[in-house]
Amino acid sequence: MDLNKNKPQIEENKKSAQNVNLAYGVVTEALPNTLFRVKLDGKDDIVMAYLAGKMRMHRIKVLIGDKVELTLDSYGGRARISRRL
């Protein structure tokens, strides 16, 4: 039995996880259902963002004016708030 046959798949998954588009911004508006409007740092863009699952699970509160780390969607739709700074 060859134990190394799954190794290339694991390396490919690590590479895809490293290609995450991170951005930072400030929460400007809180909307229902844990949606937020976030103004990106260094740009005039405003993005709709939702809370990541771990933040919901641990009940981390995000308020207007908080600086947050975002994971941008590759299609440009929404962003996920992954950390509060």
N, C-alpha and C. Protein backbone atom coordinates (compact mmCIF):
# COMPACT_ATOMS: atom_id res chain seq x y z
N MET A 1 0.84 -1.18 0.00
CA MET A 1 0.00 0.00 0.00
C MET A 1 0.89 1.25 0.00
N ASP A 2 0.64 2.15 -0.92
CA ASP A 2 1.45 3.35 -1.06
C ASP A 2 0.84 4.49 -0.25
N LEU A 3 1.58 4.96 0.75
CA LEU A 3 1.07 6.01 1.62
C LEU A 3 1.27 7.41 1.04
N ASN A 4 2.09 7.55 0.03
CA ASN A 4 2.40 8.86 -0.53
C ASN A 4 1.49 9.27 -1.68
N LYS A 5 0.50 8.44 -2.04
CA LYS A 5 -0.33 8.77 -3.19
C LYS A 5 -1.26 9.97 -2.91
N ASN A 6 -1.56 10.27 -1.64
CA ASN A 6 -2.41 11.42 -1.31
C ASN A 6 -1.60 12.70 -1.10
N LYS A 7 -0.30 12.61 -1.12
CA LYS A 7 0.55 13.77 -0.84
C LYS A 7 0.36 14.92 -1.83
N PRO A 8 0.29 14.72 -3.15
CA PRO A 8 0.09 15.84 -4.07
C PRO A 8 -1.22 16.59 -3.83
N GLN A 9 -2.27 15.90 -3.43
CA GLN A 9 -3.54 16.56 -3.15
C GLN A 9 -3.42 17.49 -1.96
N ILE A 10 -2.71 17.07 -0.94
CA ILE A 10 -2.54 17.90 0.25
C ILE A 10 -1.75 19.16 -0.09
N GLU A 11 -0.70 19.02 -0.90
CA GLU A 11 0.09 20.18 -1.30
C GLU A 11 -0.72 21.15 -2.14
N GLU A 12 -1.60 20.63 -3.01
CA GLU A 12 -2.46 21.50 -3.83
C GLU A 12 -3.43 22.27 -2.95
N ASN A 13 -3.97 21.64 -1.91
CA ASN A 13 -4.89 22.33 -1.02
C ASN A 13 -4.19 23.45 -0.27
N LYS A 14 -2.94 23.25 0.13
CA LYS A 14 -2.19 24.30 0.82
C LYS A 14 -1.96 25.49 -0.10
N LYS A 15 -1.65 25.23 -1.37
CA LYS A 15 -1.43 26.30 -2.31
C LYS A 15 -2.69 27.12 -2.54
N SER A 16 -3.84 26.46 -2.63
CA SER A 16 -5.07 27.19 -2.86
C SER A 16 -5.46 28.01 -1.63
N ALA A 17 -5.10 27.54 -0.45
CA ALA A 17 -5.41 28.30 0.76
C ALA A 17 -4.52 29.53 0.88
N GLN A 18 -3.35 29.51 0.27
CA GLN A 18 -2.45 30.65 0.35
C GLN A 18 -2.86 31.77 -0.60
N ASN A 19 -3.70 31.49 -1.59
CA ASN A 19 -4.12 32.48 -2.56
C ASN A 19 -5.37 33.23 -2.11
N VAL A 20 -5.49 33.50 -0.84
CA VAL A 20 -6.65 34.19 -0.28
C VAL A 20 -6.44 35.69 -0.40
N ASN A 21 -7.46 36.39 -0.86
CA ASN A 21 -7.38 37.84 -0.98
C ASN A 21 -7.79 38.48 0.33
N LEU A 22 -6.81 38.98 1.07
CA LEU A 22 -7.07 39.63 2.34
C LEU A 22 -7.12 41.14 2.15
N ALA A 23 -7.99 41.78 2.90
CA ALA A 23 -8.09 43.23 2.89
C ALA A 23 -8.45 43.68 4.30
N TYR A 24 -8.23 44.94 4.57
CA TYR A 24 -8.56 45.51 5.87
C TYR A 24 -9.49 46.69 5.64
N GLY A 25 -10.39 46.91 6.59
CA GLY A 25 -11.32 48.01 6.46
C GLY A 25 -11.94 48.38 7.79
N VAL A 26 -12.84 49.37 7.73
CA VAL A 26 -13.53 49.87 8.91
C VAL A 26 -15.03 49.70 8.69
N VAL A 27 -15.73 49.17 9.68
CA VAL A 27 -17.17 48.97 9.60
C VAL A 27 -17.87 50.32 9.65
N THR A 28 -18.70 50.60 8.64
CA THR A 28 -19.40 51.88 8.59
C THR A 28 -20.88 51.76 8.93
N GLU A 29 -21.46 50.57 8.72
CA GLU A 29 -22.88 50.40 8.98
C GLU A 29 -23.17 48.95 9.33
N ALA A 30 -24.03 48.73 10.31
CA ALA A 30 -24.45 47.38 10.69
C ALA A 30 -25.85 47.15 10.15
N LEU A 31 -26.04 46.05 9.45
CA LEU A 31 -27.31 45.71 8.83
C LEU A 31 -27.87 44.45 9.50
N PRO A 32 -29.13 44.11 9.26
CA PRO A 32 -29.69 42.89 9.86
C PRO A 32 -28.98 41.62 9.38
N ASN A 33 -29.14 40.55 10.13
CA ASN A 33 -28.59 39.22 9.81
C ASN A 33 -27.07 39.23 9.71
N THR A 34 -26.43 39.92 10.60
CA THR A 34 -24.96 40.00 10.69
C THR A 34 -24.30 40.40 9.38
N LEU A 35 -24.92 41.31 8.67
CA LEU A 35 -24.31 41.91 7.48
C LEU A 35 -23.76 43.27 7.86
N PHE A 36 -22.68 43.67 7.22
CA PHE A 36 -22.05 44.94 7.52
C PHE A 36 -21.60 45.60 6.23
N ARG A 37 -21.57 46.94 6.24
CA ARG A 37 -20.93 47.69 5.17
C ARG A 37 -19.56 48.09 5.68
N VAL A 38 -18.54 47.77 4.90
CA VAL A 38 -17.16 48.00 5.32
C VAL A 38 -16.46 48.85 4.26
N LYS A 39 -15.81 49.92 4.71
CA LYS A 39 -15.01 50.76 3.82
C LYS A 39 -13.58 50.24 3.85
N LEU A 40 -13.05 49.89 2.68
CA LEU A 40 -11.72 49.33 2.59
C LEU A 40 -10.66 50.39 2.83
N ASP A 41 -9.56 49.99 3.48
CA ASP A 41 -8.44 50.90 3.74
C ASP A 41 -7.73 51.22 2.44
N GLY A 42 -7.40 52.49 2.25
CA GLY A 42 -6.64 52.91 1.09
C GLY A 42 -7.45 53.02 -0.18
N LYS A 43 -8.74 52.74 -0.12
CA LYS A 43 -9.60 52.82 -1.30
C LYS A 43 -10.91 53.49 -0.90
N ASP A 44 -11.66 53.90 -1.89
CA ASP A 44 -12.98 54.48 -1.62
C ASP A 44 -14.09 53.44 -1.78
N ASP A 45 -13.73 52.17 -1.89
CA ASP A 45 -14.70 51.10 -2.10
C ASP A 45 -15.41 50.74 -0.80
N ILE A 46 -16.71 50.46 -0.94
CA ILE A 46 -17.50 49.97 0.19
C ILE A 46 -18.00 48.58 -0.18
N VAL A 47 -17.80 47.61 0.72
CA VAL A 47 -18.10 46.21 0.46
C VAL A 47 -19.13 45.72 1.46
N MET A 48 -20.04 44.87 1.01
CA MET A 48 -20.94 44.17 1.93
C MET A 48 -20.19 42.98 2.49
N ALA A 49 -20.27 42.79 3.80
CA ALA A 49 -19.52 41.70 4.43
C ALA A 49 -20.39 40.98 5.45
N TYR A 50 -20.12 39.70 5.64
CA TYR A 50 -20.82 38.91 6.64
C TYR A 50 -19.81 38.31 7.60
N LEU A 51 -20.29 37.88 8.76
CA LEU A 51 -19.40 37.31 9.77
C LEU A 51 -19.00 35.89 9.42
N ALA A 52 -17.77 35.54 9.70
CA ALA A 52 -17.29 34.17 9.52
C ALA A 52 -17.96 33.27 10.57
N GLY A 53 -18.00 31.99 10.28
CA GLY A 53 -18.66 31.03 11.16
C GLY A 53 -18.06 30.98 12.56
N LYS A 54 -16.73 31.04 12.67
CA LYS A 54 -16.09 30.99 13.99
C LYS A 54 -16.46 32.22 14.81
N MET A 55 -16.61 33.37 14.15
CA MET A 55 -16.97 34.59 14.89
C MET A 55 -18.40 34.49 15.41
N ARG A 56 -19.28 33.86 14.62
CA ARG A 56 -20.66 33.64 15.08
C ARG A 56 -20.68 32.64 16.23
N MET A 57 -19.90 31.57 16.08
CA MET A 57 -19.89 30.50 17.07
C MET A 57 -19.40 31.02 18.43
N HIS A 58 -18.38 31.85 18.41
CA HIS A 58 -17.82 32.38 19.66
C HIS A 58 -18.44 33.71 20.07
N ARG A 59 -19.47 34.13 19.33
CA ARG A 59 -20.25 35.34 19.62
C ARG A 59 -19.37 36.59 19.77
N ILE A 60 -18.47 36.77 18.82
CA ILE A 60 -17.62 37.96 18.80
C ILE A 60 -18.42 39.10 18.21
N LYS A 61 -18.51 40.18 18.93
CA LYS A 61 -19.31 41.33 18.50
C LYS A 61 -18.50 42.24 17.59
N VAL A 62 -19.13 42.74 16.56
CA VAL A 62 -18.52 43.71 15.66
C VAL A 62 -19.41 44.95 15.68
N LEU A 63 -18.80 46.09 15.97
CA LEU A 63 -19.53 47.34 16.10
C LEU A 63 -19.09 48.33 15.03
N ILE A 64 -19.88 49.37 14.84
CA ILE A 64 -19.53 50.42 13.89
C ILE A 64 -18.23 51.08 14.36
N GLY A 65 -17.30 51.26 13.44
CA GLY A 65 -16.01 51.86 13.76
C GLY A 65 -14.91 50.84 14.03
N ASP A 66 -15.26 49.57 14.13
CA ASP A 66 -14.24 48.54 14.35
C ASP A 66 -13.42 48.32 13.09
N LYS A 67 -12.13 48.09 13.26
CA LYS A 67 -11.26 47.74 12.15
C LYS A 67 -11.29 46.22 12.03
N VAL A 68 -11.50 45.70 10.81
CA VAL A 68 -11.66 44.27 10.60
C VAL A 68 -10.78 43.79 9.46
N GLU A 69 -10.49 42.48 9.48
CA GLU A 69 -9.78 41.82 8.39
C GLU A 69 -10.81 41.09 7.55
N LEU A 70 -10.76 41.28 6.23
CA LEU A 70 -11.74 40.70 5.33
C LEU A 70 -11.09 39.69 4.41
N THR A 71 -11.84 38.66 4.06
CA THR A 71 -11.46 37.75 3.00
C THR A 71 -12.37 38.07 1.83
N LEU A 72 -11.80 38.59 0.75
CA LEU A 72 -12.61 39.02 -0.38
C LEU A 72 -13.02 37.83 -1.24
N ASP A 73 -14.25 37.88 -1.73
CA ASP A 73 -14.76 36.88 -2.64
C ASP A 73 -14.11 37.07 -4.00
N SER A 74 -13.72 35.99 -4.64
CA SER A 74 -13.03 36.10 -5.93
C SER A 74 -13.95 36.63 -7.03
N TYR A 75 -15.26 36.52 -6.83
CA TYR A 75 -16.21 37.00 -7.83
C TYR A 75 -16.63 38.45 -7.58
N GLY A 76 -16.23 39.04 -6.47
CA GLY A 76 -16.53 40.44 -6.21
C GLY A 76 -17.89 40.69 -5.59
N GLY A 77 -18.53 39.67 -5.09
CA GLY A 77 -19.86 39.84 -4.51
C GLY A 77 -19.82 40.38 -3.09
N ARG A 78 -19.44 39.54 -2.17
CA ARG A 78 -19.37 39.91 -0.76
C ARG A 78 -18.02 39.54 -0.20
N ALA A 79 -17.80 39.98 1.02
CA ALA A 79 -16.57 39.63 1.73
C ALA A 79 -16.96 38.98 3.05
N ARG A 80 -16.03 38.24 3.62
CA ARG A 80 -16.26 37.59 4.91
C ARG A 80 -15.35 38.25 5.93
N ILE A 81 -15.94 38.66 7.06
CA ILE A 81 -15.15 39.23 8.14
C ILE A 81 -14.54 38.09 8.92
N SER A 82 -13.20 37.98 8.82
CA SER A 82 -12.54 36.84 9.44
C SER A 82 -11.90 37.19 10.78
N ARG A 83 -11.67 38.48 11.06
CA ARG A 83 -11.04 38.85 12.32
C ARG A 83 -11.34 40.30 12.64
N ARG A 84 -11.51 40.58 13.92
CA ARG A 84 -11.66 41.95 14.40
C ARG A 84 -10.34 42.40 14.98
N LEU A 85 -9.86 43.56 14.55
CA LEU A 85 -8.54 44.02 14.99
C LEU A 85 -8.66 45.04 16.12
